[in-house]
Protein backbone atom coordinates (compact mmCIF):
# COMPACT_ATOMS: atom_id res chain seq x y z
CA MET A 1 -68.22 -11.99 13.06
CA SER A 2 -64.56 -11.03 13.00
CA THR A 3 -63.80 -14.21 11.01
CA ALA A 4 -66.17 -13.29 8.31
CA THR A 5 -64.76 -9.77 8.07
CA LYS A 6 -61.23 -11.16 7.56
CA THR A 7 -62.49 -13.46 4.87
CA GLU A 8 -64.08 -10.60 3.12
CA ASP A 9 -60.91 -8.53 3.31
CA ARG A 10 -58.85 -11.36 1.74
CA ALA A 11 -61.39 -11.79 -0.98
CA ASP A 12 -61.07 -8.00 -1.91
CA GLY A 13 -57.33 -8.43 -2.64
CA PRO A 14 -54.28 -6.78 -0.97
CA ALA A 15 -54.74 -3.45 0.88
CA ARG A 16 -53.88 -0.41 -1.13
CA VAL A 17 -50.80 1.49 -0.19
CA SER A 18 -50.85 5.27 -0.44
CA THR A 19 -48.24 7.13 -2.42
CA GLU A 20 -47.18 9.10 0.66
CA SER A 21 -46.64 5.84 2.68
CA LEU A 22 -44.63 4.18 -0.14
CA ALA A 23 -42.38 7.25 -0.46
CA ALA A 24 -41.75 7.17 3.20
CA LEU A 25 -40.80 3.49 3.13
CA LEU A 26 -38.31 4.10 0.28
CA VAL A 27 -36.67 7.30 1.63
CA ALA A 28 -36.55 6.54 5.39
CA PRO A 29 -33.94 3.67 5.37
CA ALA A 30 -31.53 5.93 3.23
CA GLY A 31 -31.95 8.74 5.69
CA LYS A 32 -31.33 6.62 8.72
CA ARG A 33 -28.28 4.75 7.55
CA PRO A 34 -25.18 6.91 7.60
CA ARG A 35 -22.60 6.86 4.97
CA ALA A 36 -19.47 4.72 5.74
CA GLY A 37 -16.54 6.80 6.66
CA ALA A 38 -13.15 6.43 5.26
CA PRO A 39 -11.57 4.09 7.87
CA ALA A 40 -14.69 1.84 7.81
CA ALA A 41 -14.85 1.60 4.09
CA SER A 42 -11.12 0.89 3.82
CA MET A 43 -11.10 -1.75 6.36
CA ALA A 44 -14.10 -3.44 4.61
CA PHE A 45 -12.23 -3.59 1.35
CA GLY A 46 -9.13 -4.82 3.30
CA TRP A 47 -11.26 -7.64 4.78
CA ARG A 48 -12.54 -8.44 1.24
CA ALA A 49 -8.87 -8.89 0.14
CA MET A 50 -8.10 -11.15 3.02
CA LEU A 51 -11.16 -13.30 2.27
CA LYS A 52 -9.95 -13.85 -1.28
CA ILE A 53 -6.67 -15.19 0.19
CA LYS A 54 -8.77 -17.39 2.55
CA HIS A 55 -10.81 -18.96 -0.29
CA VAL A 56 -7.76 -19.22 -2.71
CA PRO A 57 -4.89 -20.00 -0.40
CA GLU A 58 -2.67 -20.73 -3.37
CA GLN A 59 -2.17 -17.07 -3.53
CA LEU A 60 0.24 -17.34 -0.56
CA PHE A 61 2.62 -19.57 -2.60
CA ASP A 62 4.79 -16.49 -3.56
CA VAL A 63 5.17 -15.48 0.03
CA THR A 64 5.82 -18.86 1.50
CA ALA A 65 7.68 -21.17 -0.92
CA MET A 66 9.59 -18.51 -2.86
CA PRO A 67 11.23 -16.84 0.18
CA ILE A 68 12.27 -20.22 1.48
CA MET A 69 13.86 -20.93 -1.95
CA PHE A 70 15.68 -17.59 -1.87
CA VAL A 71 17.12 -18.05 1.55
CA LEU A 72 18.34 -21.56 0.99
CA MET A 73 19.59 -20.97 -2.53
CA PHE A 74 21.50 -17.76 -2.00
CA THR A 75 22.95 -18.74 1.51
CA TYR A 76 24.45 -21.92 0.22
CA LEU A 77 25.33 -20.65 -3.23
CA PHE A 78 27.13 -17.45 -2.15
CA GLY A 79 27.84 -18.03 1.54
CA GLY A 80 31.15 -19.90 1.39
CA ALA A 81 32.59 -17.77 -1.62
CA LEU A 82 31.65 -14.29 -0.30
CA ALA A 83 31.78 -14.62 3.57
CA GLY A 84 33.88 -17.79 4.15
CA SER A 85 30.97 -19.59 5.77
CA THR A 86 27.12 -19.70 5.54
CA GLU A 87 26.70 -18.80 9.18
CA GLU A 88 28.60 -15.45 8.70
CA TYR A 89 26.92 -14.63 5.33
CA ILE A 90 23.34 -15.21 6.57
CA GLN A 91 23.84 -12.45 9.12
CA PHE A 92 24.35 -10.03 6.20
CA LEU A 93 21.96 -11.87 3.68
CA LEU A 94 18.81 -12.48 5.56
CA PRO A 95 17.70 -8.79 6.08
CA GLY A 96 18.38 -8.20 2.33
CA ILE A 97 16.44 -11.25 1.20
CA LEU A 98 13.57 -10.09 3.52
CA VAL A 99 13.53 -6.77 1.70
CA MET A 100 13.80 -8.17 -1.66
CA SER A 101 11.06 -10.89 -1.19
CA ILE A 102 8.52 -8.34 0.13
CA ILE A 103 9.25 -5.68 -2.53
CA MET A 104 8.74 -8.33 -5.19
CA THR A 105 5.40 -9.11 -3.64
CA THR A 106 4.11 -5.68 -3.85
CA MET A 107 3.56 -6.08 -7.54
CA TYR A 108 0.59 -8.46 -6.82
CA THR A 109 -1.48 -5.30 -5.69
CA GLY A 110 -1.51 -4.09 -9.21
CA ILE A 111 -2.22 -7.48 -10.67
CA SER A 112 -5.26 -7.96 -8.32
CA ILE A 113 -6.72 -4.58 -9.24
CA ASN A 114 -6.31 -5.31 -12.99
CA VAL A 115 -8.06 -8.70 -12.68
CA ASP A 116 -10.99 -7.08 -10.75
CA ILE A 117 -11.18 -4.48 -13.59
CA ALA A 118 -11.30 -7.21 -16.19
CA LYS A 119 -14.19 -8.91 -14.29
CA GLY A 120 -16.21 -5.66 -14.08
CA VAL A 121 -15.95 -5.45 -10.23
CA PHE A 122 -14.73 -1.98 -10.27
CA ASP A 123 -17.81 -0.71 -12.01
CA ARG A 124 -19.84 -1.84 -9.05
CA PHE A 125 -17.41 -0.20 -6.59
CA LYS A 126 -17.79 3.22 -8.24
CA THR A 127 -21.59 3.17 -7.77
CA LEU A 128 -21.31 2.64 -3.97
CA PRO A 129 -21.78 5.74 -1.70
CA ILE A 130 -18.28 5.30 -0.10
CA TRP A 131 -15.06 7.18 0.18
CA ARG A 132 -13.54 7.07 -3.29
CA PRO A 133 -9.97 5.86 -2.37
CA ALA A 134 -11.52 3.09 -0.14
CA PRO A 135 -11.02 0.17 -2.78
CA MET A 136 -7.40 1.22 -3.50
CA VAL A 137 -6.60 1.55 0.22
CA GLY A 138 -8.37 -1.82 0.93
CA TYR A 139 -6.20 -3.63 -1.60
CA LEU A 140 -3.04 -2.29 0.07
CA LEU A 141 -4.26 -3.09 3.61
CA GLY A 142 -5.09 -6.64 2.55
CA ASP A 143 -1.68 -7.17 0.94
CA MET A 144 -0.15 -6.16 4.29
CA LEU A 145 -1.13 -9.56 5.37
CA ARG A 146 1.02 -11.04 2.52
CA TYR A 147 3.96 -8.96 3.58
CA THR A 148 3.62 -10.01 7.22
CA VAL A 149 3.38 -13.73 6.39
CA ALA A 150 6.52 -13.43 4.08
CA ALA A 151 8.37 -11.77 6.86
CA ALA A 152 7.46 -14.45 9.35
CA VAL A 153 8.52 -17.24 7.00
CA ILE A 154 11.82 -15.70 6.03
CA LEU A 155 12.70 -15.04 9.65
CA THR A 156 11.79 -18.49 10.74
CA VAL A 157 13.92 -20.10 8.06
CA GLY A 158 16.76 -17.65 8.88
CA LEU A 159 16.69 -18.65 12.59
CA ILE A 160 16.85 -22.25 11.69
CA LEU A 161 19.90 -21.63 9.47
CA GLY A 162 21.72 -19.72 12.18
CA PHE A 163 20.61 -16.08 11.91
CA ARG A 164 21.05 -14.23 15.13
CA PRO A 165 20.03 -10.62 15.24
CA ASP A 166 21.78 -8.65 17.99
CA GLY A 167 18.79 -6.25 18.29
CA GLY A 168 16.63 -8.94 19.68
CA PRO A 169 12.88 -9.02 19.08
CA VAL A 170 12.52 -5.35 19.43
CA GLY A 171 15.11 -4.68 16.59
CA VAL A 172 13.54 -7.39 14.36
CA LEU A 173 10.04 -5.86 14.85
CA ALA A 174 11.33 -2.40 14.19
CA GLY A 175 12.97 -3.54 10.97
CA VAL A 176 9.80 -5.35 9.78
CA ALA A 177 7.60 -2.33 10.62
CA LEU A 178 9.83 -0.05 8.69
CA LEU A 179 9.74 -2.47 5.77
CA LEU A 180 5.97 -2.64 5.88
CA VAL A 181 5.70 1.14 5.78
CA PHE A 182 7.88 1.32 2.75
CA SER A 183 6.14 -1.61 0.94
CA PHE A 184 2.67 0.12 1.69
CA ALA A 185 3.95 3.31 -0.11
CA PHE A 186 5.77 1.38 -2.91
CA SER A 187 2.65 -0.61 -3.67
CA TRP A 188 0.94 2.52 -5.01
CA VAL A 189 3.27 2.39 -7.99
CA TRP A 190 1.70 -0.90 -9.01
CA THR A 191 -1.87 0.19 -8.22
CA MET A 192 -1.18 2.92 -10.98
CA PHE A 193 0.03 0.29 -13.37
CA GLY A 194 -2.91 -1.92 -12.56
CA LEU A 195 -5.26 0.82 -13.64
CA LEU A 196 -3.27 2.03 -16.56
CA LEU A 197 -2.40 -1.31 -18.34
CA ARG A 198 -4.88 -3.60 -20.14
CA THR A 199 -3.96 -7.03 -18.88
CA GLU A 200 -2.52 -8.69 -15.76
CA LYS A 201 0.34 -10.16 -17.88
CA SER A 202 1.49 -6.67 -18.97
CA VAL A 203 1.27 -5.39 -15.31
CA MET A 204 3.47 -8.42 -14.26
CA GLY A 205 5.99 -7.75 -17.10
CA VAL A 206 6.37 -3.99 -16.25
CA SER A 207 6.60 -4.73 -12.58
CA MET A 208 9.45 -7.28 -13.19
CA MET A 209 11.28 -4.85 -15.39
CA VAL A 210 11.32 -2.38 -12.57
CA ILE A 211 11.66 -4.61 -9.50
CA PHE A 212 14.53 -6.88 -10.69
CA PRO A 213 17.06 -4.15 -11.49
CA LEU A 214 16.17 -2.34 -8.24
CA SER A 215 16.50 -5.58 -6.24
CA PHE A 216 19.70 -6.96 -7.76
CA LEU A 217 21.52 -3.58 -8.24
CA SER A 218 21.52 -2.98 -4.48
CA ASN A 219 23.31 -4.30 -1.44
CA VAL A 220 21.03 -7.17 -0.97
CA PHE A 221 23.69 -9.76 -1.66
CA VAL A 222 27.13 -7.99 -1.54
CA ASP A 223 28.68 -4.74 -0.18
CA PRO A 224 28.77 -2.05 -2.93
CA GLU A 225 32.36 -1.27 -2.21
CA THR A 226 33.41 -4.16 -4.42
CA MET A 227 31.47 -2.71 -7.38
CA PRO A 228 32.70 -0.34 -10.14
CA GLY A 229 32.59 3.34 -9.35
CA TRP A 230 29.72 4.06 -11.81
CA LEU A 231 27.64 1.24 -10.52
CA GLN A 232 28.24 2.38 -6.90
CA ALA A 233 26.78 5.76 -7.75
CA PHE A 234 23.46 4.04 -8.68
CA VAL A 235 23.47 1.39 -5.94
CA ASN A 236 24.30 3.86 -3.12
CA ASN A 237 21.29 5.98 -4.04
CA SER A 238 18.81 3.22 -4.67
CA PRO A 239 15.76 3.08 -2.32
CA VAL A 240 16.40 -0.55 -1.88
CA THR A 241 19.94 0.01 -0.79
CA HIS A 242 18.65 2.51 1.98
CA LEU A 243 16.05 0.11 3.00
CA CYS A 244 18.44 -2.82 3.32
CA GLU A 245 20.85 -0.62 5.39
CA ALA A 246 18.03 0.55 7.70
CA VAL A 247 16.65 -2.94 8.34
CA ARG A 248 20.06 -4.44 8.85
CA GLY A 249 20.97 -1.76 11.29
CA LEU A 250 17.73 -2.13 13.25
CA MET A 251 17.96 -5.86 13.49
CA ALA A 252 21.66 -5.54 14.55
CA GLY A 253 20.56 -3.30 17.44
CA ASP A 254 21.64 0.08 15.98
CA TRP A 255 19.62 3.16 15.10
CA PRO A 256 20.67 4.19 11.58
CA SER A 257 18.86 7.50 11.58
CA ALA A 258 20.18 8.72 8.24
CA GLU A 259 19.04 5.49 6.53
CA ILE A 260 15.57 5.57 8.32
CA ALA A 261 15.15 9.14 7.11
CA TRP A 262 16.04 8.13 3.50
CA VAL A 263 13.48 5.27 3.70
CA LEU A 264 10.76 7.43 5.02
CA GLY A 265 11.57 10.11 2.44
CA TRP A 266 11.24 7.59 -0.37
CA ALA A 267 7.90 6.24 1.03
CA GLY A 268 6.59 9.78 1.29
CA LEU A 269 7.71 10.53 -2.33
CA PHE A 270 5.98 7.34 -3.64
CA LEU A 271 2.72 8.37 -1.93
CA LEU A 272 2.81 11.89 -3.05
CA VAL A 273 3.61 11.11 -6.63
CA PHE A 274 1.67 7.80 -7.41
CA GLY A 275 -1.22 8.21 -4.86
CA PRO A 276 -2.92 11.17 -6.67
CA VAL A 277 -2.04 9.77 -10.12
CA THR A 278 -3.68 6.45 -9.16
CA MET A 279 -6.79 8.17 -7.89
CA ARG A 280 -7.10 10.27 -11.06
CA LEU A 281 -6.86 7.14 -13.18
CA TYR A 282 -9.50 5.53 -10.96
CA ALA A 283 -11.81 8.46 -11.28
CA ARG A 284 -11.58 8.47 -15.07
CA ARG A 285 -12.32 4.87 -15.60
C-alpha cells in the first residue's frame, strides 16, 4: 500500500514549495551567519596573500637572493676601503643593509594591489559584506612574511660573515620588530600608488624613484659626517637614517630612545596621511 502511494507521488512530479517556506530558506542563513569582524576579515586576506606566495614561490626571490647579493657585494666592495677590514665594516653595514632591503621590498604591496585591480579581483572584494579596509590590511599583513624572511636571510648571512651583535638575541629581535612596524606603515604609501596608477610598471617606476634616493642618501653605507654640509642636512633628517640608527643601537645593546621616537613618529605620520588617502581611493574605485 505504502509502496504504491510513493510511486504515485513520484509520478505526480516534485512536491510544491510554498512562497513562505522558500522565503524562509533564503533569508534564514543570512540572518544566522554573522558578518566577519575587522580582525577576522583582515587575517583572511592576509592568509590569501600568504597562499599566493605558497603557490608562486618565485615571489620570494627578491627577499632571498637580492639581500644575499647586497650583503656580499657591499661588504667586500667597501669593507676594506672604508673600515680597514670586512669584519669591522659588517658590524656597521649589516643593520643598514637590513633596513634598505626590507624598505625596498615594501613596494611590492602596491604592485600586488595593482595586479589584482587589473584582473578585476577588487570588484569582487567590494561586493563582500566585510570591513572595508580588510583587503588593504590583508595585503600588508601578508607582506609581513616577506619582511620576516628577508630579515632572517640577511641576519644568517651576516652571522656567517662575522656579524656579532652585542645586544644578543633580544637586541636583534627588538631591532627587527621596530623595522617591521616602520615597514608596515611605510607600505601604505605604495598601496596608495597601487590604487592611483594604471599599470604595475608605473607603480614600480615611481617606487624606485622614491626608495633609491631615500636608501642611498642615508647612513646605510657610511657615516654622514664625511658628507658635505648641505647633504648632511638631508641625510640627518631622513626617516631611513633614523631607522638605521635605531636598529643599529638596539642590535648593539643600547636603547636609542630619541631615534626610536623618531621612527615611531615617522610611522605614525605615514599611517595618518596615506591610510585615509588610500581608503578614499579604494572607496571611489
